[in-house]
Each structure stands twice: as C-alpha cells, then as structure tokens.
Amino acid sequence: MKSTWTVFTKAEKESDAEKILIMILSKMHRNGDNIEISPQKKSGFKISFTLDHRLEEWEHIVYECISLGQQAGYGWQLLGDISRGPSAMTNRPNVPGAEMIGWEITKKKK
C-alpha cells in the first residue's frame, strides 16, 4: 500500500525545492517514490511523492502515516474517513522553506 504526500514550498528554484524534499524524507528516514516537482503559478514549488508501506494491517498503515507526518511537522488536521481514505494536512512544517504538507491513503477495494 502507498501513501501520497504533497508539499507546498516557497522555494524560488527547483534545486531549493529538491533540498526541502531531501530534508523532509531525511526526517522521516524514508525514500520517496514517484517524485514530481512543479512550479506554482504565483510562487514556490509543489512537491509530490509516494511512500511504500510494507505493512498489511490498515490500522498500522494509518498509524505509520500519522507518525511519519509528526516527524515533518506538527498541528496536523486529520481529514477524510479513517476507515477508507484518511488524509491530513499541516501548515506548520518543521522544515525551512516548506509551507504546507499533506498526505492521503486510499484503501484498495478487494
């Protein structure tokens, strides 16, 4: 199962956005997959990536996402349906240059 993460930055250059991504993944002690960095219309860059969860129990995956998020920021707001598709966001990341971080998990239908 995978979670999808989005980071909005105030980076002026793509190389600065890459440094922000490296700091976030370092805090999480994880490697991101499917990384995309794109400029925003007004300013900054949007970073998207996925994390692979090798856990089988849904509850453990949700817990892991909450725990990983706490390593990158605080003041998280939990959204969505916890049993099918939770998501969370914070505008209080603890990584310089990051303005907002969000994650979501979608439970696969059997």
C-alpha atoms as a PDB file:
ATOM      1  CA  MET A   1       0.000   0.000   0.000  1.00  0.00           C
ATOM      2  CA  LYS A   2       1.184   3.520  -0.747  1.00  0.00           C
ATOM      3  CA  SER A   3       0.518   6.936   0.704  1.00  0.00           C
ATOM      4  CA  THR A   4       0.663  10.092  -1.380  1.00  0.00           C
ATOM      5  CA  TRP A   5       2.346  13.183   0.048  1.00  0.00           C
ATOM      6  CA  THR A   6       2.223  16.789  -1.164  1.00  0.00           C
ATOM      7  CA  VAL A   7       4.443  19.650  -0.044  1.00  0.00           C
ATOM      8  CA  PHE A   8       3.970  23.284  -0.989  1.00  0.00           C
ATOM      9  CA  THR A   9       7.131  25.335  -0.710  1.00  0.00           C
ATOM     10  CA  LYS A  10       8.229  28.914  -1.018  1.00  0.00           C
ATOM     11  CA  ALA A  11      11.371  27.819  -2.877  1.00  0.00           C
ATOM     12  CA  GLU A  12      12.458  30.138  -5.655  1.00  0.00           C
ATOM     13  CA  LYS A  13      14.359  27.472  -7.622  1.00  0.00           C
ATOM     14  CA  GLU A  14      13.706  23.807  -8.293  1.00  0.00           C
ATOM     15  CA  SER A  15      17.050  22.946  -6.691  1.00  0.00           C
ATOM     16  CA  ASP A  16      15.838  24.595  -3.461  1.00  0.00           C
ATOM     17  CA  ALA A  17      12.628  22.539  -3.611  1.00  0.00           C
ATOM     18  CA  GLU A  18      14.762  19.395  -4.010  1.00  0.00           C
ATOM     19  CA  LYS A  19      16.676  20.340  -0.837  1.00  0.00           C
ATOM     20  CA  ILE A  20      13.386  20.741   1.040  1.00  0.00           C
ATOM     21  CA  LEU A  21      12.290  17.298  -0.164  1.00  0.00           C
ATOM     22  CA  ILE A  22      15.587  15.773   0.981  1.00  0.00           C
ATOM     23  CA  MET A  23      15.158  17.332   4.443  1.00  0.00           C
ATOM     24  CA  ILE A  24      11.599  16.025   4.785  1.00  0.00           C
ATOM     25  CA  LEU A  25      12.476  12.494   3.681  1.00  0.00           C
ATOM     26  CA  SER A  26      15.534  12.558   5.950  1.00  0.00           C
ATOM     27  CA  LYS A  27      13.372  13.450   8.958  1.00  0.00           C
ATOM     28  CA  MET A  28      11.082  10.547   8.055  1.00  0.00           C
ATOM     29  CA  HIS A  29      14.025   8.167   7.473  1.00  0.00           C
ATOM     30  CA  ARG A  30      12.378   7.146   4.192  1.00  0.00           C
ATOM     31  CA  ASN A  31      12.926   7.259   0.434  1.00  0.00           C
ATOM     32  CA  GLY A  32      10.206   8.726  -1.739  1.00  0.00           C
ATOM     33  CA  ASP A  33       8.933   7.238  -4.997  1.00  0.00           C
ATOM     34  CA  ASN A  34       7.179   8.872  -7.961  1.00  0.00           C
ATOM     35  CA  ILE A  35       8.683  12.254  -7.095  1.00  0.00           C
ATOM     36  CA  GLU A  36       7.351  15.255  -9.028  1.00  0.00           C
ATOM     37  CA  ILE A  37       8.398  18.866  -8.529  1.00  0.00           C
ATOM     38  CA  SER A  38       6.421  21.528 -10.354  1.00  0.00           C
ATOM     39  CA  PRO A  39       6.405  25.337 -10.229  1.00  0.00           C
ATOM     40  CA  GLN A  40       3.307  27.050  -8.863  1.00  0.00           C
ATOM     41  CA  LYS A  41       1.617  29.882 -10.758  1.00  0.00           C
ATOM     42  CA  LYS A  42       2.322  32.676  -8.279  1.00  0.00           C
ATOM     43  CA  SER A  43       5.444  31.467  -6.464  1.00  0.00           C
ATOM     44  CA  GLY A  44       7.100  28.422  -4.989  1.00  0.00           C
ATOM     45  CA  PHE A  45       7.083  24.773  -5.984  1.00  0.00           C
ATOM     46  CA  LYS A  46       4.759  21.859  -5.343  1.00  0.00           C
ATOM     47  CA  ILE A  47       6.400  18.539  -4.470  1.00  0.00           C
ATOM     48  CA  SER A  48       4.522  15.236  -4.736  1.00  0.00           C
ATOM     49  CA  PHE A  49       5.805  11.795  -3.800  1.00  0.00           C
ATOM     50  CA  THR A  50       4.607   8.430  -2.604  1.00  0.00           C
ATOM     51  CA  LEU A  51       5.804   6.265   0.250  1.00  0.00           C
ATOM     52  CA  ASP A  52       5.597   2.491   0.164  1.00  0.00           C
ATOM     53  CA  HIS A  53       4.170   0.852   3.287  1.00  0.00           C
ATOM     54  CA  ARG A  54       5.094  -2.765   3.717  1.00  0.00           C
ATOM     55  CA  LEU A  55       2.546  -3.218   6.456  1.00  0.00           C
ATOM     56  CA  GLU A  56      -0.536  -5.331   5.872  1.00  0.00           C
ATOM     57  CA  GLU A  57      -2.964  -4.119   8.518  1.00  0.00           C
ATOM     58  CA  TRP A  58      -4.846  -0.957   7.538  1.00  0.00           C
ATOM     59  CA  GLU A  59      -4.674   0.443  11.067  1.00  0.00           C
ATOM     60  CA  HIS A  60      -0.867   0.104  11.075  1.00  0.00           C
ATOM     61  CA  ILE A  61      -0.559   1.989   7.789  1.00  0.00           C
ATOM     62  CA  VAL A  62      -2.720   4.834   9.105  1.00  0.00           C
ATOM     63  CA  TYR A  63      -0.665   4.945  12.306  1.00  0.00           C
ATOM     64  CA  GLU A  64       2.574   4.958  10.303  1.00  0.00           C
ATOM     65  CA  CYS A  65       1.415   7.932   8.189  1.00  0.00           C
ATOM     66  CA  ILE A  66       0.447   9.883  11.293  1.00  0.00           C
ATOM     67  CA  SER A  67       3.806   9.069  12.867  1.00  0.00           C
ATOM     68  CA  LEU A  68       5.779   9.996   9.731  1.00  0.00           C
ATOM     69  CA  GLY A  69       3.855  13.242   9.465  1.00  0.00           C
ATOM     70  CA  GLN A  70       4.737  14.167  13.028  1.00  0.00           C
ATOM     71  CA  GLN A  71       8.399  13.913  12.121  1.00  0.00           C
ATOM     72  CA  ALA A  72       7.962  16.567   9.417  1.00  0.00           C
ATOM     73  CA  GLY A  73       5.558  18.944  11.139  1.00  0.00           C
ATOM     74  CA  TYR A  74       3.060  19.496  13.911  1.00  0.00           C
ATOM     75  CA  GLY A  75      -0.503  20.723  14.301  1.00  0.00           C
ATOM     76  CA  TRP A  76      -1.885  18.161  11.857  1.00  0.00           C
ATOM     77  CA  GLN A  77      -5.558  18.252  10.922  1.00  0.00           C
ATOM     78  CA  LEU A  78      -6.958  14.785  10.232  1.00  0.00           C
ATOM     79  CA  LEU A  79      -9.489  14.687   7.383  1.00  0.00           C
ATOM     80  CA  GLY A  80     -11.499  12.102   5.487  1.00  0.00           C
ATOM     81  CA  ASP A  81     -12.849   8.755   6.567  1.00  0.00           C
ATOM     82  CA  ILE A  82     -10.330   6.973   8.796  1.00  0.00           C
ATOM     83  CA  SER A  83     -11.621   3.554   7.719  1.00  0.00           C
ATOM     84  CA  ARG A  84     -11.435   4.117   3.939  1.00  0.00           C
ATOM     85  CA  GLY A  85      -9.432   7.150   2.917  1.00  0.00           C
ATOM     86  CA  PRO A  86      -7.867   9.300   5.604  1.00  0.00           C
ATOM     87  CA  SER A  87      -5.826  12.361   4.828  1.00  0.00           C
ATOM     88  CA  ALA A  88      -4.115  15.016   6.899  1.00  0.00           C
ATOM     89  CA  MET A  89      -2.540  18.415   6.416  1.00  0.00           C
ATOM     90  CA  THR A  90      -0.491  20.897   8.351  1.00  0.00           C
ATOM     91  CA  ASN A  91       0.644  24.410   7.669  1.00  0.00           C
ATOM     92  CA  ARG A  92       3.240  24.090  10.431  1.00  0.00           C
ATOM     93  CA  PRO A  93       6.063  22.020   8.913  1.00  0.00           C
ATOM     94  CA  ASN A  94       9.349  21.914  10.809  1.00  0.00           C
ATOM     95  CA  VAL A  95      11.375  22.103   7.597  1.00  0.00           C
ATOM     96  CA  PRO A  96      12.572  25.545   6.478  1.00  0.00           C
ATOM     97  CA  GLY A  97      11.034  26.578   3.155  1.00  0.00           C
ATOM     98  CA  ALA A  98       8.052  24.206   3.403  1.00  0.00           C
ATOM     99  CA  GLU A  99       4.708  25.961   3.843  1.00  0.00           C
ATOM    100  CA  MET A 100       2.230  23.064   3.893  1.00  0.00           C
ATOM    101  CA  ILE A 101       2.440  19.279   3.945  1.00  0.00           C
ATOM    102  CA  GLY A 102      -0.385  16.848   3.316  1.00  0.00           C
ATOM    103  CA  TRP A 103      -0.788  13.100   2.958  1.00  0.00           C
ATOM    104  CA  GLU A 104      -3.546  10.708   1.940  1.00  0.00           C
ATOM    105  CA  ILE A 105      -4.123   6.981   1.800  1.00  0.00           C
ATOM    106  CA  THR A 106      -6.753   5.269  -0.296  1.00  0.00           C
ATOM    107  CA  LYS A 107      -7.843   1.826   0.741  1.00  0.00           C
ATOM    108  CA  LYS A 108      -7.836  -0.556  -2.188  1.00  0.00           C
ATOM    109  CA  LYS A 109     -11.097  -2.310  -2.877  1.00  0.00           C
ATOM    110  CA  LYS A 110     -10.914  -6.091  -2.722  1.00  0.00           C
END
